[in-house]
Amino acid sequence: MKQKKQKEPGMKRESTRTIRFNSRELSAINQYCEKFHVTNRAKFMREAIITEILRKFDENYPTLWDNDGQPRLF
């Protein structure tokens, strides 16, 4: 028998956001989910959004120097 995975404290999803798609966007999402057998669309969209956020953070990490070579402390 499979046991439920314990969730980290404070990680309960309590906030709600609504996303609106036009018909072409929704069609693309539906085709993708059908092709790649995505059964949990909420999880899929959460992971896609967080993946993009983390990628952007990784690309734009803070540095000690500006592009002109001058130190930037704040």
Protein backbone atom coordinates (compact mmCIF):
# COMPACT_ATOMS: atom_id res chain seq x y z
CA MET A 1 0.00 0.00 0.00
CA LYS A 2 1.29 3.44 -0.96
CA GLN A 3 1.82 5.90 1.88
CA LYS A 4 1.06 9.58 1.47
CA LYS A 5 4.10 11.78 1.11
CA GLN A 6 4.57 14.11 4.08
CA LYS A 7 4.42 17.78 3.10
CA GLU A 8 6.81 20.34 4.49
CA PRO A 9 5.27 22.57 7.16
CA GLY A 10 4.19 25.93 5.78
CA MET A 11 3.97 24.63 2.21
CA LYS A 12 0.18 24.35 2.09
CA ARG A 13 -1.20 26.11 -0.97
CA GLU A 14 -3.62 28.71 0.29
CA SER A 15 -3.33 31.48 -2.31
CA THR A 16 -5.36 31.45 -5.49
CA ARG A 17 -4.60 33.13 -8.80
CA THR A 18 -6.69 33.03 -11.95
CA ILE A 19 -5.21 32.90 -15.44
CA ARG A 20 -7.25 33.68 -18.53
CA PHE A 21 -6.30 32.25 -21.92
CA ASN A 22 -7.55 33.11 -25.36
CA SER A 23 -8.88 30.29 -27.52
CA ARG A 24 -5.57 29.74 -29.36
CA GLU A 25 -3.56 29.57 -26.13
CA LEU A 26 -6.04 27.15 -24.59
CA SER A 27 -5.98 25.01 -27.72
CA ALA A 28 -2.17 24.82 -27.54
CA ILE A 29 -2.33 23.85 -23.85
CA ASN A 30 -4.95 21.19 -24.58
CA GLN A 31 -2.89 19.74 -27.44
CA TYR A 32 0.25 19.67 -25.29
CA CYS A 33 -1.53 17.97 -22.38
CA GLU A 34 -3.05 15.38 -24.69
CA LYS A 35 0.21 14.67 -26.52
CA PHE A 36 2.32 14.37 -23.36
CA HIS A 37 -0.38 12.73 -21.20
CA VAL A 38 -0.57 15.54 -18.65
CA THR A 39 -3.30 14.57 -16.20
CA ASN A 40 -2.77 17.23 -13.53
CA ARG A 41 -2.93 20.57 -15.34
CA ALA A 42 -2.67 22.66 -12.18
CA LYS A 43 0.60 20.93 -11.27
CA PHE A 44 1.85 21.29 -14.85
CA MET A 45 1.14 25.04 -14.93
CA ARG A 46 2.62 25.60 -11.45
CA GLU A 47 5.82 23.80 -12.45
CA ALA A 48 6.04 25.67 -15.78
CA ILE A 49 5.64 29.04 -14.06
CA ILE A 50 8.10 28.30 -11.25
CA THR A 51 10.63 26.85 -13.73
CA GLU A 52 10.53 30.07 -15.76
CA ILE A 53 10.85 32.23 -12.62
CA LEU A 54 13.87 30.27 -11.40
CA ARG A 55 15.46 30.42 -14.86
CA LYS A 56 15.08 34.21 -14.94
CA PHE A 57 16.49 34.53 -11.42
CA ASP A 58 19.45 32.40 -12.47
CA GLU A 59 20.09 34.57 -15.54
CA ASN A 60 19.79 37.84 -13.62
CA TYR A 61 21.61 37.08 -10.41
CA PRO A 62 23.02 40.10 -8.56
CA THR A 63 26.68 40.93 -9.06
CA LEU A 64 29.15 43.15 -7.26
CA TRP A 65 30.01 45.00 -10.49
CA ASP A 66 27.99 46.98 -13.01
CA ASN A 67 28.53 46.47 -16.72
CA ASP A 68 30.93 49.44 -16.75
CA GLY A 69 33.25 47.77 -14.23
CA GLN A 70 32.29 50.03 -11.34
CA PRO A 71 31.52 48.38 -7.99
CA ARG A 72 27.86 48.17 -7.07
CA LEU A 73 27.18 47.49 -3.44
CA PHE A 74 23.52 48.54 -3.22
